[in-house]
Amino acid sequence: MESLSFLQTIAEPYDLGAVIKYLRSRKEMSSRALAAEIGASSSYVSKIESGQVPSADKFVRIMDALDCSSLEVQFLLELLRK
């Protein structure tokens, strides 16, 4: 697992979508596959990765689908607060 400092470098300036896209690519998952896992369209995933904030339910589903650690989830929640 990468250190949180690495995630912070790709998150500047606090871009949740960029981090989600990175985590998806780290898992070698297409946006279409992530969409299917979370019960959404691939255009919804694209919007999230472009800056739209996901609903709480979809956020949890995304974190689960991407096998995020508790530290990664905590980091992403901090991004949502900014």
Protein backbone atom coordinates (compact mmCIF):
# COMPACT_ATOMS: atom_id res chain seq x y z
CA MET A 1 0.00 0.00 0.00
CA GLU A 2 1.26 3.45 -0.88
CA SER A 3 1.86 5.91 1.88
CA LEU A 4 -0.73 8.58 2.46
CA SER A 5 1.88 11.17 1.54
CA PHE A 6 1.87 9.76 -2.00
CA LEU A 7 -1.92 10.08 -2.17
CA GLN A 8 -1.59 13.65 -0.91
CA THR A 9 0.74 14.52 -3.80
CA ILE A 10 -1.78 13.37 -6.39
CA ALA A 11 -4.65 14.98 -4.50
CA GLU A 12 -3.42 18.56 -4.77
CA PRO A 13 -5.39 20.74 -4.73
CA TYR A 14 -7.69 18.35 -2.88
CA ASP A 15 -9.15 16.63 -5.91
CA LEU A 16 -11.24 13.68 -4.77
CA GLY A 17 -11.93 12.63 -8.37
CA ALA A 18 -8.24 12.37 -9.23
CA VAL A 19 -7.60 10.17 -6.22
CA ILE A 20 -10.56 7.91 -7.04
CA LYS A 21 -9.31 7.62 -10.63
CA TYR A 22 -5.82 6.73 -9.38
CA LEU A 23 -7.19 4.11 -6.96
CA ARG A 24 -9.30 2.62 -9.76
CA SER A 25 -6.31 2.43 -12.11
CA ARG A 26 -4.16 0.97 -9.33
CA LYS A 27 -6.65 -1.89 -9.16
CA GLU A 28 -6.57 -2.15 -12.98
CA MET A 29 -10.33 -1.60 -13.10
CA SER A 30 -12.09 0.14 -15.97
CA SER A 31 -14.60 2.87 -15.28
CA ARG A 32 -17.24 0.58 -16.74
CA ALA A 33 -16.32 -2.19 -14.29
CA LEU A 34 -16.40 0.23 -11.35
CA ALA A 35 -19.77 1.52 -12.51
CA ALA A 36 -21.15 -2.02 -12.59
CA GLU A 37 -19.77 -2.72 -9.08
CA ILE A 38 -21.43 0.36 -7.58
CA GLY A 39 -24.69 0.15 -9.53
CA ALA A 40 -24.17 3.28 -11.61
CA SER A 41 -23.46 4.27 -15.19
CA SER A 42 -19.96 4.74 -16.55
CA SER A 43 -20.85 8.40 -17.19
CA TYR A 44 -21.56 8.76 -13.44
CA VAL A 45 -18.07 7.40 -12.66
CA SER A 46 -16.61 9.82 -15.20
CA LYS A 47 -18.41 12.72 -13.51
CA ILE A 48 -17.06 11.63 -10.11
CA GLU A 49 -13.53 11.44 -11.49
CA SER A 50 -14.02 14.90 -13.01
CA GLY A 51 -15.00 16.50 -9.73
CA GLN A 52 -18.63 15.75 -8.94
CA VAL A 53 -19.01 14.68 -5.32
CA PRO A 54 -20.63 11.23 -5.02
CA SER A 55 -23.59 10.57 -2.76
CA ALA A 56 -22.70 9.02 0.60
CA ASP A 57 -24.05 5.65 -0.56
CA LYS A 58 -22.02 5.69 -3.77
CA PHE A 59 -18.91 6.87 -1.90
CA VAL A 60 -19.12 3.83 0.38
CA ARG A 61 -19.68 1.55 -2.60
CA ILE A 62 -16.71 3.05 -4.45
CA MET A 63 -14.44 2.59 -1.43
CA ASP A 64 -15.57 -1.01 -1.09
CA ALA A 65 -15.17 -1.75 -4.82
CA LEU A 66 -11.65 -0.29 -4.80
CA ASP A 67 -10.65 -2.24 -1.67
CA CYS A 68 -9.60 0.95 0.09
CA SER A 69 -7.90 0.68 3.44
CA SER A 70 -9.36 2.51 6.42
CA LEU A 71 -6.53 5.06 6.15
CA GLU A 72 -7.36 5.70 2.49
CA VAL A 73 -11.04 6.13 3.32
CA GLN A 74 -10.15 8.54 6.12
CA PHE A 75 -7.92 10.53 3.74
CA LEU A 76 -10.69 10.73 1.13
CA LEU A 77 -13.21 11.83 3.74
CA GLU A 78 -10.83 14.64 4.65
CA LEU A 79 -10.79 15.69 0.98
CA LEU A 80 -14.58 15.88 1.04
CA ARG A 81 -14.44 18.27 3.98
CA LYS A 82 -12.24 20.78 2.15
